[in-house]
């Protein structure tokens, strides 16, 4: 006897062309259509998280850059005196 499915389920309406594309991708990747959808959704969230990480890193580097420019300007002003 197969184990009972415990993951939540819901119905999803898809346009026929999207359904066909998912079926073709699932076949190419040797997955079920459900597994293909899950893989693609998971990748989307991974990408989203990477974007957040990069955004934070860029903001941090922008702050450092501003600090270094201020320090450089201070040193230039001191060297003129």
PDB file of N, CA and C in Angstrom:
ATOM      1  N   UNK A   1       0.842  -1.182   0.000  1.00  0.00           N
ATOM      2  CA  UNK A   1       0.000   0.000   0.000  1.00  0.00           C
ATOM      3  C   UNK A   1       0.894   1.255   0.000  1.00  0.00           C
ATOM      4  N   UNK A   2       0.629   2.192  -0.895  1.00  0.00           N
ATOM      5  CA  UNK A   2       1.417   3.418  -1.011  1.00  0.00           C
ATOM      6  C   UNK A   2       1.113   4.345   0.157  1.00  0.00           C
ATOM      7  N   UNK A   3       2.136   5.127   0.585  1.00  0.00           N
ATOM      8  CA  UNK A   3       1.887   6.063   1.689  1.00  0.00           C
ATOM      9  C   UNK A   3       0.875   7.122   1.280  1.00  0.00           C
ATOM     10  N   UNK A   4       0.069   7.547   2.236  1.00  0.00           N
ATOM     11  CA  UNK A   4      -0.958   8.559   1.976  1.00  0.00           C
ATOM     12  C   UNK A   4      -0.299   9.925   1.798  1.00  0.00           C
ATOM     13  N   UNK A   5      -0.740  10.657   0.807  1.00  0.00           N
ATOM     14  CA  UNK A   5      -0.228  12.006   0.548  1.00  0.00           C
ATOM     15  C   UNK A   5      -0.672  12.936   1.668  1.00  0.00           C
ATOM     16  N   UNK A   6       0.287  13.698   2.218  1.00  0.00           N
ATOM     17  CA  UNK A   6      -0.057  14.635   3.287  1.00  0.00           C
ATOM     18  C   UNK A   6       0.159  16.093   2.886  1.00  0.00           C
ATOM     19  N   UNK A   7       0.816  16.329   1.743  1.00  0.00           N
ATOM     20  CA  UNK A   7       1.035  17.707   1.301  1.00  0.00           C
ATOM     21  C   UNK A   7      -0.290  18.344   0.887  1.00  0.00           C
ATOM     22  N   UNK A   8      -0.457  19.639   1.185  1.00  0.00           N
ATOM     23  CA  UNK A   8      -1.685  20.322   0.753  1.00  0.00           C
ATOM     24  C   UNK A   8      -1.800  20.308  -0.772  1.00  0.00           C
ATOM     25  N   UNK A   9      -3.021  20.270  -1.253  1.00  0.00           N
ATOM     26  CA  UNK A   9      -3.275  20.280  -2.691  1.00  0.00           C
ATOM     27  C   UNK A   9      -4.277  21.375  -3.027  1.00  0.00           C
ATOM     28  N   UNK A  10      -4.197  21.884  -4.250  1.00  0.00           N
ATOM     29  CA  UNK A  10      -5.210  22.825  -4.722  1.00  0.00           C
ATOM     30  C   UNK A  10      -5.321  22.720  -6.237  1.00  0.00           C
ATOM     31  N   UNK A  11      -6.465  23.118  -6.746  1.00  0.00           N
ATOM     32  CA  UNK A  11      -6.676  23.098  -8.193  1.00  0.00           C
ATOM     33  C   UNK A  11      -6.063  24.346  -8.793  1.00  0.00           C
ATOM     34  N   UNK A  12      -5.556  24.206  -9.997  1.00  0.00           N
ATOM     35  CA  UNK A  12      -4.926  25.323 -10.681  1.00  0.00           C
ATOM     36  C   UNK A  12      -5.386  25.332 -12.127  1.00  0.00           C
ATOM     37  N   UNK A  13      -5.859  26.461 -12.581  1.00  0.00           N
ATOM     38  CA  UNK A  13      -6.275  26.585 -13.975  1.00  0.00           C
ATOM     39  C   UNK A  13      -5.115  27.139 -14.781  1.00  0.00           C
ATOM     40  N   UNK A  14      -4.842  26.488 -15.905  1.00  0.00           N
ATOM     41  CA  UNK A  14      -3.756  26.907 -16.780  1.00  0.00           C
ATOM     42  C   UNK A  14      -4.264  27.069 -18.202  1.00  0.00           C
ATOM     43  N   UNK A  15      -3.774  28.057 -18.910  1.00  0.00           N
ATOM     44  CA  UNK A  15      -4.086  28.127 -20.339  1.00  0.00           C
ATOM     45  C   UNK A  15      -3.486  26.884 -21.020  1.00  0.00           C
ATOM     46  N   UNK A  16      -4.131  26.387 -22.053  1.00  0.00           N
ATOM     47  CA  UNK A  16      -3.652  25.164 -22.716  1.00  0.00           C
ATOM     48  C   UNK A  16      -2.189  25.232 -23.165  1.00  0.00           C
ATOM     49  N   UNK A  17      -1.758  26.383 -23.682  1.00  0.00           N
ATOM     50  CA  UNK A  17      -0.369  26.476 -24.155  1.00  0.00           C
ATOM     51  C   UNK A  17       0.628  26.384 -23.003  1.00  0.00           C
ATOM     52  N   UNK A  18       0.290  26.927 -21.843  1.00  0.00           N
ATOM     53  CA  UNK A  18       1.179  26.836 -20.689  1.00  0.00           C
ATOM     54  C   UNK A  18       1.228  25.394 -20.171  1.00  0.00           C
ATOM     55  N   UNK A  19       0.085  24.739 -20.169  1.00  0.00           N
ATOM     56  CA  UNK A  19       0.019  23.339 -19.746  1.00  0.00           C
ATOM     57  C   UNK A  19       0.896  22.483 -20.654  1.00  0.00           C
ATOM     58  N   UNK A  20       0.803  22.706 -21.957  1.00  0.00           N
ATOM     59  CA  UNK A  20       1.624  21.957 -22.913  1.00  0.00           C
ATOM     60  C   UNK A  20       3.109  22.232 -22.704  1.00  0.00           C
ATOM     61  N   UNK A  21       3.448  23.482 -22.452  1.00  0.00           N
ATOM     62  CA  UNK A  21       4.852  23.832 -22.218  1.00  0.00           C
ATOM     63  C   UNK A  21       5.371  23.149 -20.948  1.00  0.00           C
ATOM     64  N   UNK A  22       4.548  23.125 -19.900  1.00  0.00           N
ATOM     65  CA  UNK A  22       4.950  22.448 -18.661  1.00  0.00           C
ATOM     66  C   UNK A  22       5.118  20.941 -18.877  1.00  0.00           C
ATOM     67  N   UNK A  23       4.203  20.353 -19.625  1.00  0.00           N
ATOM     68  CA  UNK A  23       4.307  18.923 -19.908  1.00  0.00           C
ATOM     69  C   UNK A  23       5.578  18.607 -20.697  1.00  0.00           C
ATOM     70  N   UNK A  24       5.893  19.435 -21.683  1.00  0.00           N
ATOM     71  CA  UNK A  24       7.101  19.221 -22.485  1.00  0.00           C
ATOM     72  C   UNK A  24       8.356  19.389 -21.632  1.00  0.00           C
ATOM     73  N   UNK A  25       8.371  20.421 -20.791  1.00  0.00           N
ATOM     74  CA  UNK A  25       9.529  20.644 -19.912  1.00  0.00           C
ATOM     75  C   UNK A  25       9.680  19.505 -18.922  1.00  0.00           C
ATOM     76  N   UNK A  26       8.570  19.033 -18.377  1.00  0.00           N
ATOM     77  CA  UNK A  26       8.612  17.919 -17.431  1.00  0.00           C
ATOM     78  C   UNK A  26       9.196  16.673 -18.093  1.00  0.00           C
ATOM     79  N   UNK A  27       8.781  16.410 -19.318  1.00  0.00           N
ATOM     80  CA  UNK A  27       9.289  15.252 -20.042  1.00  0.00           C
ATOM     81  C   UNK A  27      10.792  15.399 -20.300  1.00  0.00           C
ATOM     82  N   UNK A  28      11.227  16.588 -20.740  1.00  0.00           N
ATOM     83  CA  UNK A  28      12.661  16.826 -20.985  1.00  0.00           C
ATOM     84  C   UNK A  28      13.487  16.620 -19.723  1.00  0.00           C
ATOM     85  N   UNK A  29      12.924  17.022 -18.581  1.00  0.00           N
ATOM     86  CA  UNK A  29      13.640  16.949 -17.309  1.00  0.00           C
ATOM     87  C   UNK A  29      13.361  15.662 -16.528  1.00  0.00           C
ATOM     88  N   UNK A  30      12.654  14.730 -17.168  1.00  0.00           N
ATOM     89  CA  UNK A  30      12.322  13.449 -16.528  1.00  0.00           C
ATOM     90  C   UNK A  30      11.627  13.643 -15.182  1.00  0.00           C
ATOM     91  N   UNK A  31      10.629  14.520 -15.169  1.00  0.00           N
ATOM     92  CA  UNK A  31       9.858  14.793 -13.960  1.00  0.00           C
ATOM     93  C   UNK A  31       8.377  14.722 -14.277  1.00  0.00           C
ATOM     94  N   UNK A  32       7.594  14.619 -13.226  1.00  0.00           N
ATOM     95  CA  UNK A  32       6.152  14.774 -13.393  1.00  0.00           C
ATOM     96  C   UNK A  32       5.866  16.264 -13.593  1.00  0.00           C
ATOM     97  N   UNK A  33       4.677  16.569 -14.079  1.00  0.00           N
ATOM     98  CA  UNK A  33       4.304  17.973 -14.243  1.00  0.00           C
ATOM     99  C   UNK A  33       4.299  18.667 -12.881  1.00  0.00           C
ATOM    100  N   UNK A  34       3.822  17.985 -11.863  1.00  0.00           N
ATOM    101  CA  UNK A  34       3.817  18.554 -10.517  1.00  0.00           C
ATOM    102  C   UNK A  34       5.248  18.863 -10.053  1.00  0.00           C
ATOM    103  N   UNK A  35       6.162  17.926 -10.264  1.00  0.00           N
ATOM    104  CA  UNK A  35       7.560  18.151  -9.869  1.00  0.00           C
ATOM    105  C   UNK A  35       8.178  19.292 -10.664  1.00  0.00           C
ATOM    106  N   UNK A  36       7.797  19.422 -11.929  1.00  0.00           N
ATOM    107  CA  UNK A  36       8.315  20.515 -12.761  1.00  0.00           C
ATOM    108  C   UNK A  36       7.844  21.860 -12.227  1.00  0.00           C
ATOM    109  N   UNK A  37       6.567  21.941 -11.876  1.00  0.00           N
ATOM    110  CA  UNK A  37       6.024  23.186 -11.311  1.00  0.00           C
ATOM    111  C   UNK A  37       6.727  23.521 -10.006  1.00  0.00           C
ATOM    112  N   UNK A  38       6.898  22.530  -9.138  1.00  0.00           N
ATOM    113  CA  UNK A  38       7.573  22.766  -7.854  1.00  0.00           C
ATOM    114  C   UNK A  38       9.008  23.233  -8.059  1.00  0.00           C
ATOM    115  N   UNK A  39       9.724  22.611  -8.984  1.00  0.00           N
ATOM    116  CA  UNK A  39      11.114  23.002  -9.248  1.00  0.00           C
ATOM    117  C   UNK A  39      11.192  24.444  -9.735  1.00  0.00           C
ATOM    118  N   UNK A  40      10.286  24.796 -10.633  1.00  0.00           N
ATOM    119  CA  UNK A  40      10.301  26.160 -11.166  1.00  0.00           C
ATOM    120  C   UNK A  40       9.913  27.192 -10.110  1.00  0.00           C
ATOM    121  N   UNK A  41       8.949  26.883  -9.279  1.00  0.00           N
ATOM    122  CA  UNK A  41       8.574  27.802  -8.199  1.00  0.00           C
ATOM    123  C   UNK A  41       9.724  27.956  -7.202  1.00  0.00           C
ATOM    124  N   UNK A  42      10.344  26.848  -6.862  1.00  0.00           N
ATOM    125  CA  UNK A  42      11.471  26.885  -5.917  1.00  0.00           C
ATOM    126  C   UNK A  42      12.596  27.748  -6.470  1.00  0.00           C
ATOM    127  N   UNK A  43      12.919  27.577  -7.760  1.00  0.00           N
ATOM    128  CA  UNK A  43      13.966  28.397  -8.376  1.00  0.00           C
ATOM    129  C   UNK A  43      13.615  29.872  -8.330  1.00  0.00           C
ATOM    130  N   UNK A  44      12.348  30.190  -8.526  1.00  0.00           N
ATOM    131  CA  UNK A  44      11.913  31.584  -8.471  1.00  0.00           C
ATOM    132  C   UNK A  44      12.204  32.198  -7.110  1.00  0.00           C
ATOM    133  N   UNK A  45      11.899  31.463  -6.040  1.00  0.00           N
ATOM    134  CA  UNK A  45      12.138  31.994  -4.703  1.00  0.00           C
ATOM    135  C   UNK A  45      13.624  32.062  -4.391  1.00  0.00           C
ATOM    136  N   UNK A  46      14.401  31.121  -4.906  1.00  0.00           N
ATOM    137  CA  UNK A  46      15.859  31.197  -4.714  1.00  0.00           C
ATOM    138  C   UNK A  46      16.404  32.450  -5.364  1.00  0.00           C
ATOM    139  N   UNK A  47      15.958  32.724  -6.572  1.00  0.00           N
ATOM    140  CA  UNK A  47      16.399  33.916  -7.291  1.00  0.00           C
ATOM    141  C   UNK A  47      15.988  35.171  -6.535  1.00  0.00           C
ATOM    142  N   UNK A  48      14.764  35.165  -6.033  1.00  0.00           N
ATOM    143  CA  UNK A  48      14.260  36.311  -5.280  1.00  0.00           C
ATOM    144  C   UNK A  48      15.138  36.564  -4.059  1.00  0.00           C
ATOM    145  N   UNK A  49      15.489  35.519  -3.329  1.00  0.00           N
ATOM    146  CA  UNK A  49      16.334  35.669  -2.154  1.00  0.00           C
ATOM    147  C   UNK A  49      17.720  36.168  -2.531  1.00  0.00           C
ATOM    148  N   UNK A  50      18.250  35.697  -3.660  1.00  0.00           N
ATOM    149  CA  UNK A  50      19.560  36.171  -4.104  1.00  0.00           C
ATOM    150  C   UNK A  50      19.501  37.660  -4.407  1.00  0.00           C
ATOM    151  N   UNK A  51      18.398  38.082  -5.005  1.00  0.00           N
ATOM    152  CA  UNK A  51      18.243  39.507  -5.299  1.00  0.00           C
ATOM    153  C   UNK A  51      18.265  40.321  -4.012  1.00  0.00           C
ATOM    154  N   UNK A  52      17.583  39.846  -2.987  1.00  0.00           N
ATOM    155  CA  UNK A  52      17.569  40.553  -1.707  1.00  0.00           C
ATOM    156  C   UNK A  52      18.971  40.614  -1.119  1.00  0.00           C
ATOM    157  N   UNK A  53      19.706  39.520  -1.206  1.00  0.00           N
ATOM    158  CA  UNK A  53      21.078  39.474  -0.686  1.00  0.00           C
ATOM    159  C   UNK A  53      21.945  40.469  -1.438  1.00  0.00           C
ATOM    160  N   UNK A  54      21.852  40.460  -2.777  1.00  0.00           N
ATOM    161  CA  UNK A  54      22.654  41.398  -3.567  1.00  0.00           C
ATOM    162  C   UNK A  54      22.258  42.838  -3.293  1.00  0.00           C
ATOM    163  N   UNK A  55      20.968  43.097  -3.128  1.00  0.00           N
ATOM    164  CA  UNK A  55      20.524  44.459  -2.829  1.00  0.00           C
ATOM    165  C   UNK A  55      21.123  44.949  -1.519  1.00  0.00           C
ATOM    166  N   UNK A  56      21.127  44.087  -0.500  1.00  0.00           N
ATOM    167  CA  UNK A  56      21.728  44.480   0.785  1.00  0.00           C
ATOM    168  C   UNK A  56      23.223  44.712   0.650  1.00  0.00           C
ATOM    169  N   UNK A  57      23.898  43.839  -0.101  1.00  0.00           N
ATOM    170  CA  UNK A  57      25.351  43.976  -0.289  1.00  0.00           C
ATOM    171  C   UNK A  57      25.681  45.260  -1.048  1.00  0.00           C
ATOM    172  N   UNK A  58      24.892  45.559  -2.079  1.00  0.00           N
ATOM    173  CA  UNK A  58      25.110  46.790  -2.847  1.00  0.00           C
ATOM    174  C   UNK A  58      24.893  48.010  -1.966  1.00  0.00           C
ATOM    175  N   UNK A  59      23.860  48.005  -1.144  1.00  0.00           N
ATOM    176  CA  UNK A  59      23.607  49.126  -0.235  1.00  0.00           C
ATOM    177  C   UNK A  59      24.769  49.291   0.739  1.00  0.00           C
ATOM    178  N   UNK A  60      25.288  48.176   1.237  1.00  0.00           N
ATOM    179  CA  UNK A  60      26.430  48.224   2.154  1.00  0.00           C
ATOM    180  C   UNK A  60      27.660  48.814   1.450  1.00  0.00           C
ATOM    181  N   UNK A  61      27.910  48.384   0.234  1.00  0.00           N
ATOM    182  CA  UNK A  61      29.052  48.918  -0.524  1.00  0.00           C
ATOM    183  C   UNK A  61      28.858  50.388  -0.881  1.00  0.00           C
ATOM    184  N   UNK A  62      27.627  50.785  -1.159  1.00  0.00           N
ATOM    185  CA  UNK A  62      27.348  52.203  -1.429  1.00  0.00           C
ATOM    186  C   UNK A  62      27.672  53.059  -0.205  1.00  0.00           C
ATOM    187  N   UNK A  63      27.296  52.557   0.994  1.00  0.00           N
ATOM    188  CA  UNK A  63      27.613  53.299   2.222  1.00  0.00           C
ATOM    189  C   UNK A  63      29.127  53.400   2.419  1.00  0.00           C
ATOM    190  N   UNK A  64      29.830  52.287   2.201  1.00  0.00           N
ATOM    191  CA  UNK A  64      31.297  52.295   2.338  1.00  0.00           C
ATOM    192  C   UNK A  64      31.913  53.265   1.335  1.00  0.00           C
ATOM    193  N   UNK A  65      31.404  53.249   0.121  1.00  0.00           N
ATOM    194  CA  UNK A  65      31.915  54.139  -0.911  1.00  0.00           C
ATOM    195  C   UNK A  65      31.748  55.600  -0.499  1.00  0.00           C
ATOM    196  N   UNK A  66      30.578  55.929   0.035  1.00  0.00           N
ATOM    197  CA  UNK A  66      30.330  57.305   0.489  1.00  0.00           C
ATOM    198  C   UNK A  66      31.281  57.682   1.619  1.00  0.00           C
ATOM    199  N   UNK A  67      31.522  56.753   2.553  1.00  0.00           N
ATOM    200  CA  UNK A  67      32.461  57.009   3.653  1.00  0.00           C
ATOM    201  C   UNK A  67      33.871  57.235   3.124  1.00  0.00           C
ATOM    202  N   UNK A  68      34.287  56.406   2.186  1.00  0.00           N
ATOM    203  CA  UNK A  68      35.633  56.549   1.619  1.00  0.00           C
ATOM    204  C   UNK A  68      35.776  57.855   0.842  1.00  0.00           C
ATOM    205  N   UNK A  69      34.732  58.236   0.121  1.00  0.00           N
ATOM    206  CA  UNK A  69      34.793  59.509  -0.596  1.00  0.00           C
ATOM    207  C   UNK A  69      34.884  60.682   0.376  1.00  0.00           C
ATOM    208  N   UNK A  70      34.157  60.605   1.478  1.00  0.00           N
ATOM    209  CA  UNK A  70      34.223  61.663   2.490  1.00  0.00           C
ATOM    210  C   UNK A  70      35.619  61.714   3.102  1.00  0.00           C
ATOM    211  N   UNK A  71      36.192  60.542   3.403  1.00  0.00           N
ATOM    212  CA  UNK A  71      37.559  60.488   3.944  1.00  0.00           C
ATOM    213  C   UNK A  71      38.558  61.063   2.953  1.00  0.00           C
ATOM    214  N   UNK A  72      38.398  60.720   1.680  1.00  0.00           N
ATOM    215  CA  UNK A  72      39.298  61.221   0.646  1.00  0.00           C
ATOM    216  C   UNK A  72      39.202  62.735   0.537  1.00  0.00           C
ATOM    217  N   UNK A  73      38.008  63.252   0.577  1.00  0.00           N
ATOM    218  CA  UNK A  73      37.817  64.703   0.503  1.00  0.00           C
ATOM    219  C   UNK A  73      38.459  65.391   1.703  1.00  0.00           C
ATOM    220  N   UNK A  74      38.312  64.793   2.883  1.00  0.00           N
ATOM    221  CA  UNK A  74      38.938  65.333   4.091  1.00  0.00           C
ATOM    222  C   UNK A  74      40.458  65.356   3.949  1.00  0.00           C
ATOM    223  N   UNK A  75      41.023  64.283   3.444  1.00  0.00           N
ATOM    224  CA  UNK A  75      42.483  64.226   3.237  1.00  0.00           C
ATOM    225  C   UNK A  75      42.942  65.232   2.203  1.00  0.00           C
ATOM    226  N   UNK A  76      42.186  65.408   1.151  1.00  0.00           N
ATOM    227  CA  UNK A  76      42.543  66.404   0.134  1.00  0.00           C
ATOM    228  C   UNK A  76      42.531  67.808   0.727  1.00  0.00           C
ATOM    229  N   UNK A  77      41.517  68.099   1.540  1.00  0.00           N
ATOM    230  CA  UNK A  77      41.424  69.420   2.163  1.00  0.00           C
ATOM    231  C   UNK A  77      42.588  69.653   3.124  1.00  0.00           C
ATOM    232  N   UNK A  78      42.965  68.632   3.869  1.00  0.00           N
ATOM    233  CA  UNK A  78      44.090  68.757   4.807  1.00  0.00           C
ATOM    234  C   UNK A  78      45.407  68.964   4.072  1.00  0.00           C
ATOM    235  N   UNK A  79      45.555  68.291   2.940  1.00  0.00           N
ATOM    236  CA  UNK A  79      46.835  68.420   2.199  1.00  0.00           C
ATOM    237  C   UNK A  79      46.969  69.798   1.568  1.00  0.00           C
ATOM    238  N   UNK A  80      45.861  70.486   1.343  1.00  0.00           N
ATOM    239  CA  UNK A  80      45.908  71.838   0.781  1.00  0.00           C
ATOM    240  C   UNK A  80      46.322  72.868   1.822  1.00  0.00           C
ATOM    241  N   UNK A  81      46.033  72.550   3.075  1.00  0.00           N
ATOM    242  CA  UNK A  81      46.310  73.523   4.158  1.00  0.00           C
ATOM    243  C   UNK A  81      47.768  73.635   4.475  1.00  0.00           C
TER     244      UNK A  81
END
